[in-house]
N, C-alpha and C. Protein backbone atom coordinates (compact mmCIF):
# COMPACT_ATOMS: atom_id res chain seq x y z
N MET A 1 -0.93 -25.62 14.91
CA MET A 1 0.50 -25.49 14.80
C MET A 1 1.04 -25.01 16.15
N ARG A 2 2.14 -25.54 16.55
CA ARG A 2 2.78 -25.14 17.80
C ARG A 2 3.91 -24.17 17.49
N LEU A 3 3.91 -23.05 18.21
CA LEU A 3 4.96 -22.05 18.04
C LEU A 3 6.05 -22.26 19.09
N PRO A 4 7.28 -21.93 18.75
CA PRO A 4 8.34 -22.01 19.75
C PRO A 4 8.17 -20.92 20.80
N TYR A 5 8.72 -21.14 21.97
CA TYR A 5 8.66 -20.20 23.07
C TYR A 5 10.05 -19.75 23.47
N ALA A 6 10.16 -18.51 23.94
CA ALA A 6 11.41 -17.98 24.49
C ALA A 6 11.03 -17.09 25.67
N GLY A 7 11.59 -17.36 26.80
CA GLY A 7 11.29 -16.56 27.98
C GLY A 7 9.83 -16.62 28.38
N GLY A 8 9.17 -17.73 28.10
CA GLY A 8 7.77 -17.88 28.46
C GLY A 8 6.79 -17.24 27.49
N HIS A 9 7.30 -16.70 26.38
CA HIS A 9 6.43 -16.04 25.40
C HIS A 9 6.56 -16.74 24.04
N PRO A 10 5.43 -16.91 23.34
CA PRO A 10 5.52 -17.53 22.01
C PRO A 10 6.24 -16.62 21.02
N LEU A 11 6.99 -17.22 20.13
CA LEU A 11 7.68 -16.47 19.08
C LEU A 11 6.88 -16.58 17.80
N LEU A 12 6.76 -15.49 17.10
CA LEU A 12 6.12 -15.49 15.80
C LEU A 12 7.22 -15.57 14.75
N LEU A 13 7.18 -16.60 13.93
CA LEU A 13 8.19 -16.77 12.89
C LEU A 13 7.70 -16.10 11.61
N VAL A 14 8.56 -15.30 11.00
CA VAL A 14 8.22 -14.62 9.76
C VAL A 14 9.20 -15.04 8.67
N PRO A 15 8.77 -15.00 7.41
CA PRO A 15 9.68 -15.36 6.33
C PRO A 15 10.90 -14.44 6.29
N ASP A 16 12.03 -14.98 5.90
CA ASP A 16 13.27 -14.22 5.79
C ASP A 16 13.08 -12.93 4.99
N GLU A 17 12.33 -13.03 3.88
CA GLU A 17 12.16 -11.89 2.99
C GLU A 17 11.46 -10.73 3.69
N TRP A 18 10.66 -11.00 4.70
CA TRP A 18 9.93 -9.95 5.41
C TRP A 18 10.78 -9.30 6.48
N ALA A 19 11.85 -9.92 6.86
CA ALA A 19 12.62 -9.44 8.01
C ALA A 19 13.92 -8.76 7.59
N GLY A 20 14.07 -8.40 6.34
CA GLY A 20 15.28 -7.76 5.87
C GLY A 20 15.36 -6.31 6.30
N SER A 21 16.36 -5.62 5.82
CA SER A 21 16.54 -4.22 6.18
C SER A 21 15.62 -3.30 5.37
N TYR A 22 14.97 -3.83 4.34
CA TYR A 22 14.08 -3.04 3.50
C TYR A 22 12.65 -3.54 3.68
N LEU A 23 11.84 -2.78 4.40
CA LEU A 23 10.45 -3.18 4.64
C LEU A 23 9.63 -3.07 3.36
N GLN A 24 8.79 -4.05 3.13
CA GLN A 24 7.92 -4.03 1.97
C GLN A 24 6.62 -3.27 2.25
N LEU A 25 6.15 -3.32 3.48
CA LEU A 25 4.87 -2.70 3.82
C LEU A 25 5.10 -1.60 4.86
N TYR A 26 4.93 -0.36 4.43
CA TYR A 26 5.02 0.76 5.36
C TYR A 26 4.17 1.91 4.81
N GLY A 27 3.83 2.85 5.69
CA GLY A 27 2.87 3.89 5.36
C GLY A 27 3.17 4.73 4.15
N ARG A 28 4.41 5.22 4.02
CA ARG A 28 4.73 6.08 2.89
C ARG A 28 4.65 5.30 1.57
N ARG A 29 5.07 4.07 1.59
CA ARG A 29 5.00 3.27 0.36
C ARG A 29 3.56 2.97 -0.01
N TYR A 30 2.73 2.72 1.00
CA TYR A 30 1.30 2.52 0.78
C TYR A 30 0.71 3.76 0.10
N TYR A 31 1.10 4.93 0.58
CA TYR A 31 0.66 6.20 0.01
C TYR A 31 1.10 6.32 -1.45
N GLU A 32 2.36 5.98 -1.72
CA GLU A 32 2.92 6.16 -3.05
C GLU A 32 2.41 5.17 -4.08
N VAL A 33 1.99 3.98 -3.62
CA VAL A 33 1.57 2.96 -4.59
C VAL A 33 0.04 2.92 -4.73
N PRO A 34 -0.70 2.30 -3.83
CA PRO A 34 -2.14 2.19 -4.10
C PRO A 34 -2.94 3.46 -3.86
N VAL A 35 -2.55 4.28 -2.88
CA VAL A 35 -3.36 5.47 -2.56
C VAL A 35 -3.28 6.49 -3.69
N LEU A 36 -2.09 6.86 -4.12
CA LEU A 36 -1.98 7.83 -5.21
C LEU A 36 -2.52 7.27 -6.52
N ARG A 37 -2.33 5.97 -6.76
CA ARG A 37 -2.89 5.37 -7.97
C ARG A 37 -4.41 5.45 -7.96
N HIS A 38 -5.01 5.18 -6.79
CA HIS A 38 -6.46 5.26 -6.67
C HIS A 38 -6.94 6.70 -6.90
N LEU A 39 -6.24 7.67 -6.34
CA LEU A 39 -6.59 9.07 -6.56
C LEU A 39 -6.48 9.42 -8.05
N GLN A 40 -5.44 8.92 -8.71
CA GLN A 40 -5.29 9.16 -10.15
C GLN A 40 -6.50 8.63 -10.92
N GLU A 41 -6.89 7.40 -10.59
CA GLU A 41 -8.02 6.78 -11.29
C GLU A 41 -9.32 7.54 -11.03
N GLU A 42 -9.54 7.96 -9.79
CA GLU A 42 -10.75 8.71 -9.44
C GLU A 42 -10.81 10.03 -10.20
N LEU A 43 -9.70 10.74 -10.27
CA LEU A 43 -9.68 12.01 -10.99
C LEU A 43 -9.89 11.80 -12.49
N GLN A 44 -9.33 10.72 -13.01
CA GLN A 44 -9.47 10.44 -14.44
C GLN A 44 -10.92 10.08 -14.79
N ILE A 45 -11.58 9.36 -13.89
CA ILE A 45 -12.99 9.01 -14.10
C ILE A 45 -13.85 10.27 -14.01
N ALA A 46 -13.56 11.13 -13.04
CA ALA A 46 -14.34 12.35 -12.83
C ALA A 46 -14.17 13.34 -13.98
N ASN A 47 -12.98 13.37 -14.58
CA ASN A 47 -12.71 14.31 -15.65
C ASN A 47 -11.81 13.68 -16.71
N PRO A 48 -12.38 12.81 -17.56
CA PRO A 48 -11.55 12.08 -18.54
C PRO A 48 -10.83 12.99 -19.53
N ALA A 49 -11.36 14.14 -19.82
CA ALA A 49 -10.73 15.04 -20.79
C ALA A 49 -9.44 15.64 -20.24
N ALA A 50 -9.29 15.70 -18.93
CA ALA A 50 -8.10 16.31 -18.32
C ALA A 50 -6.87 15.42 -18.44
N GLY A 51 -7.06 14.14 -18.67
CA GLY A 51 -5.92 13.22 -18.75
C GLY A 51 -5.46 12.79 -17.37
N LYS A 52 -4.37 12.07 -17.34
CA LYS A 52 -3.85 11.51 -16.09
C LYS A 52 -3.06 12.56 -15.32
N VAL A 53 -3.37 12.70 -14.04
CA VAL A 53 -2.65 13.61 -13.15
C VAL A 53 -1.43 12.85 -12.62
N SER A 54 -0.28 13.49 -12.61
CA SER A 54 0.94 12.81 -12.15
C SER A 54 0.88 12.59 -10.64
N LYS A 55 1.60 11.57 -10.18
CA LYS A 55 1.68 11.31 -8.74
C LYS A 55 2.38 12.48 -8.03
N LYS A 56 3.31 13.11 -8.70
CA LYS A 56 4.01 14.25 -8.12
C LYS A 56 3.02 15.39 -7.85
N ASP A 57 2.12 15.65 -8.79
CA ASP A 57 1.09 16.68 -8.59
C ASP A 57 0.13 16.28 -7.47
N LEU A 58 -0.22 15.01 -7.41
CA LEU A 58 -1.10 14.54 -6.35
C LEU A 58 -0.45 14.68 -4.98
N GLN A 59 0.85 14.46 -4.91
CA GLN A 59 1.56 14.62 -3.64
C GLN A 59 1.51 16.07 -3.18
N LYS A 60 1.53 17.01 -4.12
CA LYS A 60 1.41 18.43 -3.76
C LYS A 60 -0.02 18.74 -3.28
N MET A 61 -1.00 18.09 -3.88
CA MET A 61 -2.40 18.31 -3.52
C MET A 61 -2.75 17.64 -2.19
N HIS A 62 -2.08 16.53 -1.87
CA HIS A 62 -2.35 15.75 -0.66
C HIS A 62 -1.02 15.47 0.05
N PRO A 63 -0.40 16.48 0.66
CA PRO A 63 0.93 16.29 1.24
C PRO A 63 0.97 15.51 2.56
N ASP A 64 -0.15 15.42 3.26
CA ASP A 64 -0.18 14.73 4.56
C ASP A 64 -0.40 13.24 4.34
N VAL A 65 0.66 12.47 4.40
CA VAL A 65 0.64 11.06 4.04
C VAL A 65 -0.40 10.26 4.83
N TYR A 66 -0.30 10.28 6.14
CA TYR A 66 -1.13 9.37 6.94
C TYR A 66 -2.60 9.74 6.97
N PRO A 67 -2.97 11.02 7.08
CA PRO A 67 -4.39 11.36 6.95
C PRO A 67 -4.94 11.02 5.56
N THR A 68 -4.12 11.22 4.53
CA THR A 68 -4.55 10.88 3.17
C THR A 68 -4.74 9.37 3.04
N ASN A 69 -3.79 8.59 3.60
CA ASN A 69 -3.94 7.13 3.58
C ASN A 69 -5.27 6.71 4.18
N LEU A 70 -5.58 7.25 5.34
CA LEU A 70 -6.81 6.88 6.04
C LEU A 70 -8.04 7.29 5.24
N ALA A 71 -8.10 8.54 4.81
CA ALA A 71 -9.27 9.03 4.09
C ALA A 71 -9.51 8.27 2.78
N VAL A 72 -8.46 8.09 2.00
CA VAL A 72 -8.60 7.43 0.70
C VAL A 72 -8.91 5.95 0.89
N THR A 73 -8.30 5.31 1.87
CA THR A 73 -8.55 3.88 2.14
C THR A 73 -10.02 3.67 2.51
N LEU A 74 -10.53 4.52 3.40
CA LEU A 74 -11.93 4.38 3.82
C LEU A 74 -12.88 4.67 2.66
N GLN A 75 -12.60 5.71 1.89
CA GLN A 75 -13.45 6.05 0.74
C GLN A 75 -13.46 4.92 -0.28
N ALA A 76 -12.30 4.37 -0.56
CA ALA A 76 -12.21 3.26 -1.53
C ALA A 76 -12.95 2.03 -1.01
N TYR A 77 -12.77 1.74 0.27
CA TYR A 77 -13.42 0.56 0.86
C TYR A 77 -14.94 0.68 0.80
N GLN A 78 -15.45 1.88 1.04
CA GLN A 78 -16.89 2.10 0.94
C GLN A 78 -17.39 1.91 -0.49
N SER A 79 -16.49 2.05 -1.45
CA SER A 79 -16.83 1.83 -2.87
C SER A 79 -16.57 0.39 -3.30
N GLY A 80 -16.16 -0.45 -2.35
CA GLY A 80 -15.91 -1.85 -2.68
C GLY A 80 -14.49 -2.16 -3.12
N ILE A 81 -13.57 -1.25 -2.88
CA ILE A 81 -12.17 -1.44 -3.28
C ILE A 81 -11.31 -1.55 -2.03
N ASP A 82 -10.59 -2.66 -1.91
CA ASP A 82 -9.73 -2.89 -0.74
C ASP A 82 -8.28 -2.55 -1.10
N LEU A 83 -7.89 -1.31 -0.86
CA LEU A 83 -6.53 -0.86 -1.21
C LEU A 83 -5.46 -1.59 -0.41
N LEU A 84 -5.78 -1.91 0.83
CA LEU A 84 -4.81 -2.62 1.66
C LEU A 84 -4.51 -4.00 1.08
N GLU A 85 -5.54 -4.71 0.66
CA GLU A 85 -5.34 -6.03 0.06
C GLU A 85 -4.54 -5.90 -1.24
N GLU A 86 -4.83 -4.87 -2.02
CA GLU A 86 -4.06 -4.64 -3.25
C GLU A 86 -2.59 -4.39 -2.94
N PHE A 87 -2.33 -3.64 -1.87
CA PHE A 87 -0.96 -3.33 -1.49
C PHE A 87 -0.22 -4.59 -1.02
N ILE A 88 -0.91 -5.43 -0.29
CA ILE A 88 -0.30 -6.69 0.17
C ILE A 88 0.04 -7.56 -1.03
N ARG A 89 -0.85 -7.63 -2.02
CA ARG A 89 -0.56 -8.41 -3.25
C ARG A 89 0.64 -7.80 -3.99
N PHE A 90 0.70 -6.47 -4.06
CA PHE A 90 1.82 -5.79 -4.70
C PHE A 90 3.13 -6.18 -4.02
N ALA A 91 3.17 -6.11 -2.69
CA ALA A 91 4.38 -6.44 -1.95
C ALA A 91 4.75 -7.91 -2.14
N HIS A 92 3.74 -8.79 -2.15
CA HIS A 92 4.01 -10.21 -2.36
C HIS A 92 4.62 -10.46 -3.73
N ARG A 93 4.05 -9.82 -4.76
CA ARG A 93 4.62 -9.99 -6.12
C ARG A 93 6.06 -9.49 -6.15
N LYS A 94 6.34 -8.42 -5.44
CA LYS A 94 7.70 -7.88 -5.41
C LYS A 94 8.67 -8.86 -4.75
N LEU A 95 8.19 -9.57 -3.73
CA LEU A 95 9.04 -10.57 -3.07
C LEU A 95 9.25 -11.79 -3.96
N VAL A 96 8.18 -12.24 -4.60
CA VAL A 96 8.24 -13.47 -5.39
C VAL A 96 8.94 -13.24 -6.72
N MET A 97 8.60 -12.13 -7.39
CA MET A 97 9.17 -11.82 -8.70
C MET A 97 9.65 -10.37 -8.70
N PRO A 98 10.78 -10.05 -8.10
CA PRO A 98 11.23 -8.66 -7.95
C PRO A 98 11.28 -7.87 -9.26
N GLU A 99 11.59 -8.51 -10.37
CA GLU A 99 11.71 -7.80 -11.64
C GLU A 99 10.35 -7.42 -12.21
N ALA A 100 9.26 -8.08 -11.75
CA ALA A 100 7.93 -7.81 -12.29
C ALA A 100 7.25 -6.65 -11.59
N ALA A 101 7.69 -6.27 -10.42
CA ALA A 101 6.97 -5.24 -9.64
C ALA A 101 7.42 -3.85 -9.96
C-alpha cells in the first residue's frame, strides 16, 4: 500500500473514530478496565469466600496507575493472559457497538 506524503514525510491515516476528542486507548482507562478487572479475578480465585472486591477498593490498594499497569500486565502475560489485546478488543467493540460496551 502506498501512503500519502506531506513535506517529504509519509502520513499515517487513521480511522475517524480514533481521531476524535475522546481517546479510546489511554493509560488510566487501561487501568480501570482490564487491569482492575484482572486484579479482581485474581483476588477472587485466591480467596473465593471473600467475594468480589470492588474496583474502588482496588484503586485504594493500588493507587499508582502506571506502575500498577506495568506490573499487572507483565504478571498476566507470564500467566498467558494478554491484557493489552483484551483492552484493544474492548475499545474496538465500543467503537463498533457503543451501546454494548
